[in-house]
Amino acid sequence: MTHQTTGQREDDGLKQAREKGNNHIITRKEEERGGDSSGGGSAPAPRLSTGSDRIVLDSILSQLRGVIGRYPEPDEEFVFEFDDVATRDVHMVGVRRPLQVEWYVDDDLVREDVLRPWLGYASAEADRVIERRPR
């Protein structure tokens, strides 16, 4: 498979997600341009780490699924945003490869773990949790 084919498939997936109302997803290129993916919405675009694409999971269903059945690309991270600080549990049931998980309170890292596939579990107080491939 060529890089162009892969890029086209990613573009098609992003387009389909936005057609389904997932306008909160923003790519690194969009962030660099200073725009958001919602076409002029009033909500600020999610902040991005340098060199990574964030997929924000802010609905209950998307947070329940997490990365089950999918795995972050090397430059991708799944972000779980919450309105308040509470204990946030992360389990690895259904996840076939290890994940690096970070818990944040007000942008301060409070815990970081690499969880094992299928058996891993951890929790911490947080208002944001980020999951990505281990570095």
Protein backbone atom coordinates (compact mmCIF):
# COMPACT_ATOMS: atom_id res chain seq x y z
CA MET A 1 0.00 0.00 0.00
CA THR A 2 1.39 3.39 -0.93
CA HIS A 3 1.56 6.38 1.37
CA GLN A 4 -0.90 8.22 -0.86
CA THR A 5 -3.48 5.45 -0.51
CA THR A 6 -3.07 5.45 3.26
CA GLY A 7 -3.46 9.22 3.39
CA GLN A 8 -6.59 9.08 1.26
CA ARG A 9 -8.10 6.42 3.52
CA GLU A 10 -7.34 8.58 6.59
CA ASP A 11 -8.91 11.62 4.86
CA ASP A 12 -12.02 9.57 4.03
CA GLY A 13 -12.27 8.36 7.63
CA LEU A 14 -11.98 11.91 8.96
CA LYS A 15 -14.60 13.11 6.48
CA GLN A 16 -16.99 10.32 7.51
CA ALA A 17 -16.46 11.09 11.21
CA ARG A 18 -17.26 14.75 10.64
CA GLU A 19 -20.36 13.91 8.59
CA LYS A 20 -21.57 11.94 11.62
CA GLY A 21 -21.24 15.04 13.80
CA ASN A 22 -17.77 14.46 15.25
CA ASN A 23 -16.61 18.00 14.53
CA HIS A 24 -14.44 18.09 17.65
CA ILE A 25 -11.74 16.03 15.91
CA ILE A 26 -8.90 18.26 14.79
CA THR A 27 -5.74 17.34 12.93
CA ARG A 28 -2.26 18.71 13.43
CA LYS A 29 -2.44 20.51 10.08
CA GLU A 30 -5.67 22.25 11.09
CA GLU A 31 -4.16 23.30 14.42
CA GLU A 32 -1.08 24.68 12.66
CA ARG A 33 -3.37 26.74 10.40
CA GLY A 34 -5.08 28.07 13.51
CA GLY A 35 -8.49 26.75 12.52
CA ASP A 36 -10.77 24.11 13.89
CA SER A 37 -12.61 21.36 12.08
CA SER A 38 -16.09 22.55 12.89
CA GLY A 39 -16.26 25.20 10.21
CA GLY A 40 -16.52 28.23 12.47
CA GLY A 41 -17.89 26.85 15.72
CA SER A 42 -17.43 28.93 18.84
CA ALA A 43 -15.73 26.23 20.93
CA PRO A 44 -11.93 26.48 21.02
CA ALA A 45 -9.98 23.82 19.19
CA PRO A 46 -8.37 21.14 21.38
CA ARG A 47 -4.74 21.82 22.22
CA LEU A 48 -2.26 19.58 20.47
CA SER A 49 1.03 18.18 21.58
CA THR A 50 3.84 18.88 19.18
CA GLY A 51 3.88 16.31 16.41
CA SER A 52 0.68 14.45 17.31
CA ASP A 53 -2.92 14.25 16.21
CA ARG A 54 -5.47 14.24 19.01
CA ILE A 55 -8.72 12.37 18.82
CA VAL A 56 -10.93 13.78 21.54
CA LEU A 57 -13.40 11.29 23.03
CA ASP A 58 -15.97 13.42 24.80
CA SER A 59 -19.19 11.42 24.49
CA ILE A 60 -20.07 8.66 26.92
CA LEU A 61 -20.14 6.02 24.17
CA SER A 62 -16.81 7.05 22.67
CA GLN A 63 -15.22 7.06 26.14
CA LEU A 64 -16.61 3.61 26.94
CA ARG A 65 -15.15 2.22 23.73
CA GLY A 66 -11.82 4.04 24.06
CA VAL A 67 -9.26 2.26 21.89
CA ILE A 68 -10.95 -1.15 21.97
CA GLY A 69 -10.76 -2.60 18.46
CA ARG A 70 -8.37 0.11 17.23
CA TYR A 71 -4.88 1.26 18.14
CA PRO A 72 -3.32 4.73 18.04
CA GLU A 73 -1.03 5.44 15.11
CA PRO A 74 2.52 6.47 16.09
CA ASP A 75 1.63 10.20 15.96
CA GLU A 76 -1.88 9.86 17.38
CA GLU A 77 -3.33 10.11 20.87
CA PHE A 78 -6.80 9.47 22.23
CA VAL A 79 -7.90 12.15 24.69
CA PHE A 80 -10.68 11.61 27.23
CA GLU A 81 -11.99 15.01 28.38
CA PHE A 82 -14.14 15.36 31.51
CA ASP A 83 -15.89 18.34 33.11
CA ASP A 84 -14.61 17.63 36.62
CA VAL A 85 -11.84 15.89 38.52
CA ALA A 86 -12.74 12.37 39.63
CA THR A 87 -11.18 8.91 39.80
CA ARG A 88 -10.69 7.73 36.21
CA ASP A 89 -10.20 3.99 35.69
CA VAL A 90 -8.46 2.58 32.61
CA HIS A 91 -8.69 -1.11 31.76
CA MET A 92 -7.09 -3.01 28.92
CA VAL A 93 -9.78 -5.65 28.30
CA GLY A 94 -10.08 -5.95 24.52
CA VAL A 95 -6.86 -4.02 23.85
CA ARG A 96 -4.26 -6.25 22.19
CA ARG A 97 -1.15 -4.05 22.53
CA PRO A 98 0.30 -1.99 25.39
CA LEU A 99 -0.73 1.63 25.90
CA GLN A 100 0.92 4.56 27.56
CA VAL A 101 -1.72 6.26 29.71
CA GLU A 102 -1.42 9.70 31.32
CA TRP A 103 -3.79 11.27 33.87
CA TYR A 104 -3.97 15.08 34.16
CA VAL A 105 -5.56 17.56 36.54
CA ASP A 106 -5.67 21.12 35.20
CA ASP A 107 -2.92 20.34 32.64
CA ASP A 108 -0.62 18.91 35.34
CA LEU A 109 0.50 15.31 34.84
CA VAL A 110 -0.44 13.35 37.97
CA ARG A 111 0.24 9.76 36.85
CA GLU A 112 1.73 7.93 33.88
CA ASP A 113 1.74 4.17 33.26
CA VAL A 114 2.32 1.73 30.42
CA LEU A 115 -0.49 -0.81 30.70
CA ARG A 116 -0.20 -4.41 29.53
CA PRO A 117 -2.60 -5.79 26.91
CA TRP A 118 -5.77 -7.45 28.20
CA LEU A 119 -4.69 -7.47 31.88
CA GLY A 120 -3.60 -3.91 32.57
CA TYR A 121 -5.58 -1.67 34.91
CA ALA A 122 -4.84 1.63 36.66
CA SER A 123 -6.72 4.62 38.03
CA ALA A 124 -6.03 8.13 39.25
CA GLU A 125 -7.81 11.41 39.90
CA ALA A 126 -8.03 13.36 36.64
CA ASP A 127 -10.07 15.62 34.41
CA ARG A 128 -8.19 14.44 31.29
CA VAL A 129 -6.75 11.05 30.34
CA ILE A 130 -4.53 10.51 27.29
CA GLU A 131 -3.80 7.14 25.70
CA ARG A 132 -1.12 6.56 23.06
CA ARG A 133 1.42 4.02 21.88
CA PRO A 134 4.28 3.59 24.35
CA ARG A 135 7.25 5.82 23.52
